[in-house]
Amino acid sequence: MNRACQYAVIFSIEILQALAAGVASPPDFLELDKLLGTMIVMGGGYLGCELACMAAMLGTKVTIVELLEDVLLLLDADVRREVKMHMEKNLRVRILTGKALEGVKATEKSVTGKVGNETVSAELLLVSVGRKPVTDELKLENAGVKIDDKGYIPVDDLGRTNVASVYAIGDVTGRMQLAPNANSQDIIAAENATGRKPRKYESLMPGVIFTVPEVVLVGLTEDEAKRQGCTIVTGKFRLSGLSRAIVVSKTAVFVKWIVDSLTDQLLGAAAVGAHVTELIAEATLAIRSELTTREAARTIHAHPTFSEVWTEAAHAPPQQKRS
């Protein structure tokens, strides 16, 4: 984890008094030296769901509590639906959405709280509801570097702060908080700072979520494309029709392309299923190169491999037309 950011949540007085007893942040959870029988996860974002799946696979009975109407809201509804179904059916993770976890009380042995009219309890409460930058002690004002009202350091697309000779990279900039993004920013900022031809930060960033099943996305989601006024179609192909997936009995669930229906250009991609985190690089390269579905469909892939699924999805009949 980038220690320039830390996890933050507004706790009730009871939780503040019991942080060492039954409440943990994600880093604390990963340092546990024993398995838990039960656990509540506050927050249904990608990290909360990843750790919920990890715990459930180790035998922990997990309940996720998410204030918003659904978990993993960065994903399209069809992708979320598949992930939730597998988490609930195969891992027996209980998912409660649309209500806050309130009245939390923690002791050395248990944590309890209310979700609506229901009381939930567990051995541990894992708090995964957001992060905040830790910039207070950097004394940035001494260098004239400004921070925003949330404590992040704003930068332009070249990585420069408001002070032209000072650059910032990674989570502390408030941009996408992923290690590959920070690594890419690192190289670009260093090149720009040393006088090479100016190069902007990469705008296309793949995302991988290590839930069970795995999830990946890159480029525009269907909802984002719709908000941008794009007219789109999607090409979807289920792994149950892929030879390699059948051979290794990993046939759930699907990949899809999000396509501009006017130009045939690939705008985005998403996938959910086994090994899909290894497939996202091809989709990222295709979208970054502004390829079309016709070009993707004509690209020969080795057989039998999981990567063939992108060609199959490009051949799939267009569906879900939107304006």
C-alpha atoms as a PDB file:
ATOM      1  CA  MET A   1       0.000   0.000   0.000  1.00  0.00           C
ATOM      2  CA  ASN A   2       1.135   3.531  -0.702  1.00  0.00           C
ATOM      3  CA  ARG A   3       1.591   4.946   2.803  1.00  0.00           C
ATOM      4  CA  ALA A   4       0.929   8.464   1.504  1.00  0.00           C
ATOM      5  CA  CYS A   5      -2.708   7.516   2.019  1.00  0.00           C
ATOM      6  CA  GLN A   6      -4.417   5.946   4.986  1.00  0.00           C
ATOM      7  CA  TYR A   7      -7.845   4.446   5.556  1.00  0.00           C
ATOM      8  CA  ALA A   8     -10.326   6.790   7.095  1.00  0.00           C
ATOM      9  CA  VAL A   9     -13.885   6.581   8.370  1.00  0.00           C
ATOM     10  CA  ILE A  10     -16.044   8.567  10.759  1.00  0.00           C
ATOM     11  CA  PHE A  11     -16.384   6.219  13.694  1.00  0.00           C
ATOM     12  CA  SER A  12     -18.927   6.243  16.457  1.00  0.00           C
ATOM     13  CA  ILE A  13     -17.548   6.832  19.955  1.00  0.00           C
ATOM     14  CA  GLU A  14     -17.841   3.104  20.681  1.00  0.00           C
ATOM     15  CA  ILE A  15     -15.561   2.222  17.757  1.00  0.00           C
ATOM     16  CA  LEU A  16     -13.004   4.864  18.667  1.00  0.00           C
ATOM     17  CA  GLN A  17     -12.700   3.263  22.066  1.00  0.00           C
ATOM     18  CA  ALA A  18     -12.223  -0.200  20.585  1.00  0.00           C
ATOM     19  CA  LEU A  19      -9.948   0.148  17.575  1.00  0.00           C
ATOM     20  CA  ALA A  20      -7.510  -2.356  19.069  1.00  0.00           C
ATOM     21  CA  ALA A  21     -10.250  -4.715  20.138  1.00  0.00           C
ATOM     22  CA  GLY A  22     -12.469  -5.768  17.274  1.00  0.00           C
ATOM     23  CA  VAL A  23     -12.054  -3.280  14.419  1.00  0.00           C
ATOM     24  CA  ALA A  24      -9.458  -3.484  11.658  1.00  0.00           C
ATOM     25  CA  SER A  25      -8.423  -1.668   8.497  1.00  0.00           C
ATOM     26  CA  PRO A  26      -7.397  -3.729   5.429  1.00  0.00           C
ATOM     27  CA  PRO A  27      -3.664  -3.634   6.341  1.00  0.00           C
ATOM     28  CA  ASP A  28      -4.522  -4.786   9.886  1.00  0.00           C
ATOM     29  CA  PHE A  29      -6.624  -7.621   8.496  1.00  0.00           C
ATOM     30  CA  LEU A  30      -3.755  -8.895   6.356  1.00  0.00           C
ATOM     31  CA  GLU A  31      -1.542  -9.095   9.432  1.00  0.00           C
ATOM     32  CA  LEU A  32      -3.903 -11.329  11.427  1.00  0.00           C
ATOM     33  CA  ASP A  33      -2.227 -14.507  12.658  1.00  0.00           C
ATOM     34  CA  LYS A  34      -5.352 -16.606  13.067  1.00  0.00           C
ATOM     35  CA  LEU A  35      -8.459 -17.511  11.108  1.00  0.00           C
ATOM     36  CA  LEU A  36     -11.772 -15.925  12.023  1.00  0.00           C
ATOM     37  CA  GLY A  37     -15.075 -17.665  12.431  1.00  0.00           C
ATOM     38  CA  THR A  38     -17.134 -14.588  11.526  1.00  0.00           C
ATOM     39  CA  MET A  39     -16.453 -11.149  10.102  1.00  0.00           C
ATOM     40  CA  ILE A  40     -18.405  -8.035   9.079  1.00  0.00           C
ATOM     41  CA  VAL A  41     -17.033  -5.966   6.202  1.00  0.00           C
ATOM     42  CA  MET A  42     -18.109  -2.316   6.194  1.00  0.00           C
ATOM     43  CA  GLY A  43     -17.916  -1.192   2.580  1.00  0.00           C
ATOM     44  CA  GLY A  44     -18.685  -3.006  -0.666  1.00  0.00           C
ATOM     45  CA  GLY A  45     -16.005  -1.467  -2.859  1.00  0.00           C
ATOM     46  CA  TYR A  46     -13.398  -3.503  -4.682  1.00  0.00           C
ATOM     47  CA  LEU A  47     -11.092  -3.901  -1.680  1.00  0.00           C
ATOM     48  CA  GLY A  48     -13.861  -4.823   0.740  1.00  0.00           C
ATOM     49  CA  CYS A  49     -15.181  -7.448  -1.679  1.00  0.00           C
ATOM     50  CA  GLU A  50     -11.693  -8.815  -2.373  1.00  0.00           C
ATOM     51  CA  LEU A  51     -10.963  -9.327   1.320  1.00  0.00           C
ATOM     52  CA  ALA A  52     -14.453 -10.702   1.935  1.00  0.00           C
ATOM     53  CA  CYS A  53     -13.809 -13.350  -0.739  1.00  0.00           C
ATOM     54  CA  MET A  54     -10.399 -14.151   0.723  1.00  0.00           C
ATOM     55  CA  ALA A  55     -11.831 -14.633   4.200  1.00  0.00           C
ATOM     56  CA  ALA A  56     -14.779 -16.673   2.929  1.00  0.00           C
ATOM     57  CA  MET A  57     -12.467 -19.014   1.015  1.00  0.00           C
ATOM     58  CA  LEU A  58     -10.608 -19.635   4.289  1.00  0.00           C
ATOM     59  CA  GLY A  59     -13.851 -20.618   5.992  1.00  0.00           C
ATOM     60  CA  THR A  60     -14.924 -17.345   7.595  1.00  0.00           C
ATOM     61  CA  LYS A  61     -18.624 -16.510   7.629  1.00  0.00           C
ATOM     62  CA  VAL A  62     -18.700 -13.023   6.075  1.00  0.00           C
ATOM     63  CA  THR A  63     -21.344 -10.285   5.982  1.00  0.00           C
ATOM     64  CA  ILE A  64     -20.789  -7.221   3.778  1.00  0.00           C
ATOM     65  CA  VAL A  65     -22.660  -4.049   4.708  1.00  0.00           C
ATOM     66  CA  GLU A  66     -22.802  -1.354   2.015  1.00  0.00           C
ATOM     67  CA  LEU A  67     -24.600   1.962   2.483  1.00  0.00           C
ATOM     68  CA  LEU A  68     -25.192   2.442  -1.255  1.00  0.00           C
ATOM     69  CA  GLU A  69     -27.708   0.498  -3.316  1.00  0.00           C
ATOM     70  CA  ASP A  70     -25.191  -2.094  -4.502  1.00  0.00           C
ATOM     71  CA  VAL A  71     -21.622  -3.301  -4.142  1.00  0.00           C
ATOM     72  CA  LEU A  72     -18.928  -2.686  -6.775  1.00  0.00           C
ATOM     73  CA  LEU A  73     -20.758   0.252  -8.306  1.00  0.00           C
ATOM     74  CA  LEU A  74     -17.818   1.032 -10.588  1.00  0.00           C
ATOM     75  CA  LEU A  75     -18.906  -1.990 -12.659  1.00  0.00           C
ATOM     76  CA  ASP A  76     -21.789  -2.331 -15.113  1.00  0.00           C
ATOM     77  CA  ALA A  77     -24.913  -3.977 -13.714  1.00  0.00           C
ATOM     78  CA  ASP A  78     -24.465  -7.242 -15.642  1.00  0.00           C
ATOM     79  CA  VAL A  79     -20.932  -7.676 -14.269  1.00  0.00           C
ATOM     80  CA  ARG A  80     -21.970  -6.806 -10.713  1.00  0.00           C
ATOM     81  CA  ARG A  81     -24.831  -9.258 -10.908  1.00  0.00           C
ATOM     82  CA  GLU A  82     -22.513 -12.147 -11.804  1.00  0.00           C
ATOM     83  CA  VAL A  83     -19.993 -11.340  -9.062  1.00  0.00           C
ATOM     84  CA  LYS A  84     -22.669 -11.015  -6.401  1.00  0.00           C
ATOM     85  CA  MET A  85     -24.355 -14.239  -7.450  1.00  0.00           C
ATOM     86  CA  HIS A  86     -21.109 -16.199  -7.183  1.00  0.00           C
ATOM     87  CA  MET A  87     -20.119 -14.596  -3.887  1.00  0.00           C
ATOM     88  CA  GLU A  88     -23.490 -15.357  -2.332  1.00  0.00           C
ATOM     89  CA  LYS A  89     -24.034 -18.791  -3.862  1.00  0.00           C
ATOM     90  CA  ASN A  90     -20.530 -20.285  -3.876  1.00  0.00           C
ATOM     91  CA  LEU A  91     -18.801 -18.491  -1.000  1.00  0.00           C
ATOM     92  CA  ARG A  92     -21.906 -17.973   1.164  1.00  0.00           C
ATOM     93  CA  VAL A  93     -21.080 -14.285   1.628  1.00  0.00           C
ATOM     94  CA  ARG A  94     -24.076 -12.338   2.906  1.00  0.00           C
ATOM     95  CA  ILE A  95     -24.473  -8.938   1.233  1.00  0.00           C
ATOM     96  CA  LEU A  96     -26.610  -6.205   2.829  1.00  0.00           C
ATOM     97  CA  THR A  97     -27.020  -3.002   0.802  1.00  0.00           C
ATOM     98  CA  GLY A  98     -28.908   0.272   1.051  1.00  0.00           C
ATOM     99  CA  LYS A  99     -28.501   0.674   4.816  1.00  0.00           C
ATOM    100  CA  ALA A 100     -25.724   1.910   7.066  1.00  0.00           C
ATOM    101  CA  LEU A 101     -24.029  -0.056   9.813  1.00  0.00           C
ATOM    102  CA  GLU A 102     -24.951   1.907  12.927  1.00  0.00           C
ATOM    103  CA  GLY A 103     -24.610   1.711  16.688  1.00  0.00           C
ATOM    104  CA  VAL A 104     -21.406  -0.287  16.482  1.00  0.00           C
ATOM    105  CA  LYS A 105     -20.014  -1.604  19.757  1.00  0.00           C
ATOM    106  CA  ALA A 106     -16.806  -3.598  20.035  1.00  0.00           C
ATOM    107  CA  THR A 107     -15.299  -5.717  22.794  1.00  0.00           C
ATOM    108  CA  GLU A 108     -12.282  -8.000  22.929  1.00  0.00           C
ATOM    109  CA  LYS A 109     -14.420 -10.901  21.687  1.00  0.00           C
ATOM    110  CA  SER A 110     -17.072  -9.468  19.363  1.00  0.00           C
ATOM    111  CA  VAL A 111     -18.448  -6.539  17.396  1.00  0.00           C
ATOM    112  CA  THR A 112     -22.154  -5.793  17.052  1.00  0.00           C
ATOM    113  CA  GLY A 113     -24.138  -3.222  15.123  1.00  0.00           C
ATOM    114  CA  LYS A 114     -27.495  -2.487  13.548  1.00  0.00           C
ATOM    115  CA  VAL A 115     -28.347  -2.635   9.842  1.00  0.00           C
ATOM    116  CA  GLY A 116     -31.857  -1.258   9.668  1.00  0.00           C
ATOM    117  CA  ASN A 117     -33.831  -3.255  12.203  1.00  0.00           C
ATOM    118  CA  GLU A 118     -31.432  -6.178  12.158  1.00  0.00           C
ATOM    119  CA  THR A 119     -28.604  -6.731  14.627  1.00  0.00           C
ATOM    120  CA  VAL A 120     -25.418  -8.180  13.133  1.00  0.00           C
ATOM    121  CA  SER A 121     -22.441  -9.489  15.071  1.00  0.00           C
ATOM    122  CA  ALA A 122     -19.048 -11.021  14.359  1.00  0.00           C
ATOM    123  CA  GLU A 123     -15.575 -11.523  15.779  1.00  0.00           C
ATOM    124  CA  LEU A 124     -14.163  -8.662  13.701  1.00  0.00           C
ATOM    125  CA  LEU A 125     -15.313  -5.562  11.852  1.00  0.00           C
ATOM    126  CA  LEU A 126     -13.223  -4.833   8.768  1.00  0.00           C
ATOM    127  CA  VAL A 127     -13.575  -1.164   7.799  1.00  0.00           C
ATOM    128  CA  SER A 128     -13.027  -0.601   4.079  1.00  0.00           C
ATOM    129  CA  VAL A 129     -14.817   2.624   3.231  1.00  0.00           C
ATOM    130  CA  GLY A 130     -12.231   4.953   1.778  1.00  0.00           C
ATOM    131  CA  ARG A 131      -8.808   6.474   2.110  1.00  0.00           C
ATOM    132  CA  LYS A 132      -7.406   9.910   2.752  1.00  0.00           C
ATOM    133  CA  PRO A 133      -3.998  11.386   1.943  1.00  0.00           C
ATOM    134  CA  VAL A 134      -1.404  11.859   4.671  1.00  0.00           C
ATOM    135  CA  THR A 135       0.172  15.132   3.614  1.00  0.00           C
ATOM    136  CA  ASP A 136      -0.064  17.138   6.840  1.00  0.00           C
ATOM    137  CA  GLU A 137       3.518  16.489   7.911  1.00  0.00           C
ATOM    138  CA  LEU A 138       5.132  17.144   4.521  1.00  0.00           C
ATOM    139  CA  LYS A 139       5.183  20.920   5.137  1.00  0.00           C
ATOM    140  CA  LEU A 140       4.324  21.505   1.492  1.00  0.00           C
ATOM    141  CA  GLU A 141       3.514  25.127   2.189  1.00  0.00           C
ATOM    142  CA  ASN A 142       7.237  25.748   2.702  1.00  0.00           C
ATOM    143  CA  ALA A 143       7.772  24.922  -0.977  1.00  0.00           C
ATOM    144  CA  GLY A 144       4.651  26.787  -2.043  1.00  0.00           C
ATOM    145  CA  VAL A 145       2.916  23.548  -3.114  1.00  0.00           C
ATOM    146  CA  LYS A 146      -0.842  23.686  -2.733  1.00  0.00           C
ATOM    147  CA  ILE A 147      -3.119  20.898  -1.570  1.00  0.00           C
ATOM    148  CA  ASP A 148      -6.872  20.709  -2.109  1.00  0.00           C
ATOM    149  CA  ASP A 149      -9.564  20.674   0.565  1.00  0.00           C
ATOM    150  CA  LYS A 150      -9.251  16.884   0.863  1.00  0.00           C
ATOM    151  CA  GLY A 151      -5.497  16.943   1.348  1.00  0.00           C
ATOM    152  CA  TYR A 152      -4.529  15.745  -2.145  1.00  0.00           C
ATOM    153  CA  ILE A 153      -1.821  17.403  -4.237  1.00  0.00           C
ATOM    154  CA  PRO A 154      -3.359  18.549  -7.548  1.00  0.00           C
ATOM    155  CA  VAL A 155      -1.182  17.992 -10.622  1.00  0.00           C
ATOM    156  CA  ASP A 156      -1.631  18.681 -14.311  1.00  0.00           C
ATOM    157  CA  ASP A 157      -1.424  16.008 -17.005  1.00  0.00           C
ATOM    158  CA  LEU A 158       2.372  16.295 -17.023  1.00  0.00           C
ATOM    159  CA  GLY A 159       2.613  15.624 -13.281  1.00  0.00           C
ATOM    160  CA  ARG A 160       3.432  19.204 -12.275  1.00  0.00           C
ATOM    161  CA  THR A 161       2.096  20.778  -9.116  1.00  0.00           C
ATOM    162  CA  ASN A 162       1.345  24.492  -8.979  1.00  0.00           C
ATOM    163  CA  VAL A 163       5.110  24.930  -8.496  1.00  0.00           C
ATOM    164  CA  ALA A 164       6.596  24.198 -11.917  1.00  0.00           C
ATOM    165  CA  SER A 165       9.726  22.507 -10.532  1.00  0.00           C
ATOM    166  CA  VAL A 166       7.828  20.190  -8.174  1.00  0.00           C
ATOM    167  CA  TYR A 167       6.144  17.018  -9.436  1.00  0.00           C
ATOM    168  CA  ALA A 168       3.881  14.565  -7.611  1.00  0.00           C
ATOM    169  CA  ILE A 169       2.886  11.007  -8.447  1.00  0.00           C
ATOM    170  CA  GLY A 170       0.764   8.177  -7.089  1.00  0.00           C
ATOM    171  CA  ASP A 171      -2.123   8.023  -4.657  1.00  0.00           C
ATOM    172  CA  VAL A 172      -1.355  11.409  -3.147  1.00  0.00           C
ATOM    173  CA  THR A 173      -2.448  13.123  -6.394  1.00  0.00           C
ATOM    174  CA  GLY A 174      -6.013  11.888  -5.906  1.00  0.00           C
ATOM    175  CA  ARG A 175      -6.066  10.157  -9.286  1.00  0.00           C
ATOM    176  CA  MET A 176      -6.692   6.441  -9.776  1.00  0.00           C
ATOM    177  CA  GLN A 177      -5.112   4.743  -6.764  1.00  0.00           C
ATOM    178  CA  LEU A 178      -3.473   1.754  -8.397  1.00  0.00           C
ATOM    179  CA  ALA A 179       0.185   0.675  -8.344  1.00  0.00           C
ATOM    180  CA  PRO A 180       0.531   0.468 -12.168  1.00  0.00           C
ATOM    181  CA  ASN A 181      -0.807   4.013 -12.421  1.00  0.00           C
ATOM    182  CA  ALA A 182       1.766   5.266  -9.919  1.00  0.00           C
ATOM    183  CA  ASN A 183       4.537   3.418 -11.762  1.00  0.00           C
ATOM    184  CA  SER A 184       3.492   4.971 -15.064  1.00  0.00           C
ATOM    185  CA  GLN A 185       3.260   8.432 -13.496  1.00  0.00           C
ATOM    186  CA  ASP A 186       6.725   7.920 -11.993  1.00  0.00           C
ATOM    187  CA  ILE A 187       8.372   7.390 -15.378  1.00  0.00           C
ATOM    188  CA  ILE A 188       6.482  10.187 -17.123  1.00  0.00           C
ATOM    189  CA  ALA A 189       7.085  12.731 -14.352  1.00  0.00           C
ATOM    190  CA  ALA A 190      10.803  11.887 -14.247  1.00  0.00           C
ATOM    191  CA  GLU A 191      11.111  12.317 -18.012  1.00  0.00           C
ATOM    192  CA  ASN A 192       9.218  15.598 -17.957  1.00  0.00           C
ATOM    193  CA  ALA A 193      11.213  16.917 -14.995  1.00  0.00           C
ATOM    194  CA  THR A 194      14.543  16.192 -16.728  1.00  0.00           C
ATOM    195  CA  GLY A 195      13.711  18.102 -19.856  1.00  0.00           C
ATOM    196  CA  ARG A 196      12.655  15.417 -22.279  1.00  0.00           C
ATOM    197  CA  LYS A 197       9.831  15.991 -24.749  1.00  0.00           C
ATOM    198  CA  PRO A 198       6.732  16.593 -22.592  1.00  0.00           C
ATOM    199  CA  ARG A 199       4.516  13.555 -22.269  1.00  0.00           C
ATOM    200  CA  LYS A 200       1.094  13.428 -20.616  1.00  0.00           C
ATOM    201  CA  TYR A 201       0.002  10.903 -18.036  1.00  0.00           C
ATOM    202  CA  GLU A 202      -1.686   7.848 -19.514  1.00  0.00           C
ATOM    203  CA  SER A 203      -5.461   8.185 -19.384  1.00  0.00           C
ATOM    204  CA  LEU A 204      -6.308   4.531 -20.037  1.00  0.00           C
ATOM    205  CA  MET A 205      -5.854   2.411 -16.948  1.00  0.00           C
ATOM    206  CA  PRO A 206      -6.925  -1.249 -16.598  1.00  0.00           C
ATOM    207  CA  GLY A 207      -8.542  -2.278 -13.353  1.00  0.00           C
ATOM    208  CA  VAL A 208      -8.414  -5.757 -11.840  1.00  0.00           C
ATOM    209  CA  ILE A 209     -10.495  -6.971  -8.914  1.00  0.00           C
ATOM    210  CA  PHE A 210      -9.428 -10.207  -7.234  1.00  0.00           C
ATOM    211  CA  THR A 211     -12.828 -11.319  -6.061  1.00  0.00           C
ATOM    212  CA  VAL A 212     -14.127 -14.832  -6.747  1.00  0.00           C
ATOM    213  CA  PRO A 213     -14.664 -14.788  -9.659  1.00  0.00           C
ATOM    214  CA  GLU A 214     -12.078 -12.265 -10.845  1.00  0.00           C
ATOM    215  CA  VAL A 215     -13.224  -9.063 -12.541  1.00  0.00           C
ATOM    216  CA  VAL A 216     -11.458  -6.735 -14.960  1.00  0.00           C
ATOM    217  CA  LEU A 217     -12.383  -3.539 -16.761  1.00  0.00           C
ATOM    218  CA  VAL A 218     -10.670  -0.985 -18.962  1.00  0.00           C
ATOM    219  CA  GLY A 219     -11.852   2.062 -20.882  1.00  0.00           C
ATOM    220  CA  LEU A 220     -15.463   3.162 -20.704  1.00  0.00           C
ATOM    221  CA  THR A 221     -18.194   1.198 -18.993  1.00  0.00           C
ATOM    222  CA  GLU A 222     -21.616   1.150 -20.640  1.00  0.00           C
ATOM    223  CA  ASP A 223     -22.886   3.722 -18.161  1.00  0.00           C
ATOM    224  CA  GLU A 224     -19.915   6.041 -18.717  1.00  0.00           C
ATOM    225  CA  ALA A 225     -20.289   5.800 -22.489  1.00  0.00           C
ATOM    226  CA  LYS A 226     -23.982   6.655 -22.173  1.00  0.00           C
ATOM    227  CA  ARG A 227     -23.212   9.691 -20.009  1.00  0.00           C
ATOM    228  CA  GLN A 228     -20.737  10.878 -22.637  1.00  0.00           C
ATOM    229  CA  GLY A 229     -23.447  10.727 -25.282  1.00  0.00           C
ATOM    230  CA  CYS A 230     -22.021   7.757 -27.172  1.00  0.00           C
ATOM    231  CA  THR A 231     -24.238   5.404 -29.161  1.00  0.00           C
ATOM    232  CA  ILE A 232     -22.920   1.972 -28.294  1.00  0.00           C
ATOM    233  CA  VAL A 233     -23.410  -1.726 -28.792  1.00  0.00           C
ATOM    234  CA  THR A 234     -21.771  -4.550 -26.865  1.00  0.00           C
ATOM    235  CA  GLY A 235     -20.339  -7.869 -27.967  1.00  0.00           C
ATOM    236  CA  LYS A 236     -20.511 -10.506 -25.241  1.00  0.00           C
ATOM    237  CA  PHE A 237     -19.194 -14.069 -25.151  1.00  0.00           C
ATOM    238  CA  ARG A 238     -19.540 -16.549 -22.304  1.00  0.00           C
ATOM    239  CA  LEU A 239     -16.595 -18.691 -21.287  1.00  0.00           C
ATOM    240  CA  SER A 240     -18.855 -21.749 -21.446  1.00  0.00           C
ATOM    241  CA  GLY A 241     -18.378 -21.623 -25.220  1.00  0.00           C
ATOM    242  CA  LEU A 242     -14.576 -21.498 -25.086  1.00  0.00           C
ATOM    243  CA  SER A 243     -12.587 -24.698 -25.651  1.00  0.00           C
ATOM    244  CA  ARG A 244      -9.830 -23.982 -23.131  1.00  0.00           C
ATOM    245  CA  ALA A 245     -12.327 -23.045 -20.432  1.00  0.00           C
ATOM    246  CA  ILE A 246     -14.234 -26.280 -21.009  1.00  0.00           C
ATOM    247  CA  VAL A 247     -11.043 -28.360 -20.820  1.00  0.00           C
ATOM    248  CA  VAL A 248     -10.048 -26.928 -17.433  1.00  0.00           C
ATOM    249  CA  SER A 249     -13.639 -26.671 -16.137  1.00  0.00           C
ATOM    250  CA  LYS A 250     -13.528 -22.880 -15.736  1.00  0.00           C
ATOM    251  CA  THR A 251     -16.591 -21.944 -17.773  1.00  0.00           C
ATOM    252  CA  ALA A 252     -18.034 -19.055 -15.754  1.00  0.00           C
ATOM    253  CA  VAL A 253     -18.769 -16.370 -16.904  1.00  0.00           C
ATOM    254  CA  PHE A 254     -18.227 -13.822 -19.786  1.00  0.00           C
ATOM    255  CA  VAL A 255     -16.243 -11.053 -21.473  1.00  0.00           C
ATOM    256  CA  LYS A 256     -17.660  -8.100 -23.371  1.00  0.00           C
ATOM    257  CA  TRP A 257     -16.561  -5.287 -25.630  1.00  0.00           C
ATOM    258  CA  ILE A 258     -18.193  -1.849 -25.443  1.00  0.00           C
ATOM    259  CA  VAL A 259     -18.224  -0.467 -28.983  1.00  0.00           C
ATOM    260  CA  ASP A 260     -19.065   2.827 -30.675  1.00  0.00           C
ATOM    261  CA  SER A 261     -21.867   1.781 -33.011  1.00  0.00           C
ATOM    262  CA  LEU A 262     -21.104   4.596 -35.468  1.00  0.00           C
ATOM    263  CA  THR A 263     -17.363   3.996 -35.908  1.00  0.00           C
ATOM    264  CA  ASP A 264     -16.981   0.381 -34.705  1.00  0.00           C
ATOM    265  CA  GLN A 265     -14.172   1.567 -32.407  1.00  0.00           C
ATOM    266  CA  LEU A 266     -13.546  -0.340 -29.171  1.00  0.00           C
ATOM    267  CA  LEU A 267     -14.322   2.003 -26.264  1.00  0.00           C
ATOM    268  CA  GLY A 268     -14.145  -0.354 -23.314  1.00  0.00           C
ATOM    269  CA  ALA A 269     -14.016  -3.923 -22.136  1.00  0.00           C
ATOM    270  CA  ALA A 270     -15.009  -5.914 -19.091  1.00  0.00           C
ATOM    271  CA  ALA A 271     -14.713  -9.525 -18.048  1.00  0.00           C
ATOM    272  CA  VAL A 272     -15.678 -11.685 -15.107  1.00  0.00           C
ATOM    273  CA  GLY A 273     -14.428 -15.227 -14.580  1.00  0.00           C
ATOM    274  CA  ALA A 274     -11.370 -17.382 -13.952  1.00  0.00           C
ATOM    275  CA  HIS A 275      -8.039 -16.054 -15.265  1.00  0.00           C
ATOM    276  CA  VAL A 276      -9.552 -12.856 -16.673  1.00  0.00           C
ATOM    277  CA  THR A 277      -6.950 -10.737 -14.846  1.00  0.00           C
ATOM    278  CA  GLU A 278      -4.410 -12.267 -17.240  1.00  0.00           C
ATOM    279  CA  LEU A 279      -6.510 -11.225 -20.259  1.00  0.00           C
ATOM    280  CA  ILE A 280      -6.953  -7.525 -19.631  1.00  0.00           C
ATOM    281  CA  ALA A 281      -3.628  -6.477 -21.213  1.00  0.00           C
ATOM    282  CA  GLU A 282      -4.821  -7.408 -24.711  1.00  0.00           C
ATOM    283  CA  ALA A 283      -8.026  -5.421 -24.307  1.00  0.00           C
ATOM    284  CA  THR A 284      -6.080  -2.451 -22.940  1.00  0.00           C
ATOM    285  CA  LEU A 285      -3.715  -2.452 -25.919  1.00  0.00           C
ATOM    286  CA  ALA A 286      -6.608  -2.771 -28.371  1.00  0.00           C
ATOM    287  CA  ILE A 287      -8.499   0.165 -26.871  1.00  0.00           C
ATOM    288  CA  ARG A 288      -5.358   2.297 -26.535  1.00  0.00           C
ATOM    289  CA  SER A 289      -4.613   1.615 -30.205  1.00  0.00           C
ATOM    290  CA  GLU A 290      -8.176   2.627 -31.163  1.00  0.00           C
ATOM    291  CA  LEU A 291      -8.863  -0.697 -32.861  1.00  0.00           C
ATOM    292  CA  THR A 292     -12.273  -1.689 -34.183  1.00  0.00           C
ATOM    293  CA  THR A 293     -14.232  -4.870 -33.555  1.00  0.00           C
ATOM    294  CA  ARG A 294     -13.525  -5.856 -37.152  1.00  0.00           C
ATOM    295  CA  GLU A 295      -9.779  -5.707 -36.479  1.00  0.00           C
ATOM    296  CA  ALA A 296     -10.172  -7.585 -33.200  1.00  0.00           C
ATOM    297  CA  ALA A 297     -12.296 -10.256 -34.881  1.00  0.00           C
ATOM    298  CA  ARG A 298      -9.714 -10.772 -37.630  1.00  0.00           C
ATOM    299  CA  THR A 299      -6.769 -11.151 -35.242  1.00  0.00           C
ATOM    300  CA  ILE A 300      -5.741 -14.817 -35.086  1.00  0.00           C
ATOM    301  CA  HIS A 301      -5.251 -16.268 -31.610  1.00  0.00           C
ATOM    302  CA  ALA A 302      -3.577 -19.505 -30.602  1.00  0.00           C
ATOM    303  CA  HIS A 303      -5.938 -22.384 -29.884  1.00  0.00           C
ATOM    304  CA  PRO A 304      -6.966 -23.539 -27.363  1.00  0.00           C
ATOM    305  CA  THR A 305      -6.310 -20.510 -25.146  1.00  0.00           C
ATOM    306  CA  PHE A 306      -8.332 -18.213 -22.940  1.00  0.00           C
ATOM    307  CA  SER A 307      -7.275 -15.214 -25.060  1.00  0.00           C
ATOM    308  CA  GLU A 308      -9.469 -16.477 -27.908  1.00  0.00           C
ATOM    309  CA  VAL A 309     -12.425 -15.146 -25.962  1.00  0.00           C
ATOM    310  CA  TRP A 310     -11.732 -11.574 -27.185  1.00  0.00           C
ATOM    311  CA  THR A 311     -12.016 -12.642 -30.813  1.00  0.00           C
ATOM    312  CA  GLU A 312     -15.209 -14.538 -30.037  1.00  0.00           C
ATOM    313  CA  ALA A 313     -16.676 -11.488 -28.294  1.00  0.00           C
ATOM    314  CA  ALA A 314     -15.775  -9.336 -31.302  1.00  0.00           C
ATOM    315  CA  HIS A 315     -17.648 -11.808 -33.530  1.00  0.00           C
ATOM    316  CA  ALA A 316     -20.661 -11.896 -31.194  1.00  0.00           C
ATOM    317  CA  PRO A 317     -23.883 -10.312 -32.451  1.00  0.00           C
ATOM    318  CA  PRO A 318     -24.154  -6.726 -31.177  1.00  0.00           C
ATOM    319  CA  GLN A 319     -26.578  -6.251 -28.326  1.00  0.00           C
ATOM    320  CA  GLN A 320     -27.828  -3.721 -25.770  1.00  0.00           C
ATOM    321  CA  LYS A 321     -27.902  -0.740 -28.119  1.00  0.00           C
ATOM    322  CA  ARG A 322     -27.981   2.589 -26.286  1.00  0.00           C
ATOM    323  CA  SER A 323     -28.030   6.236 -27.169  1.00  0.00           C
END
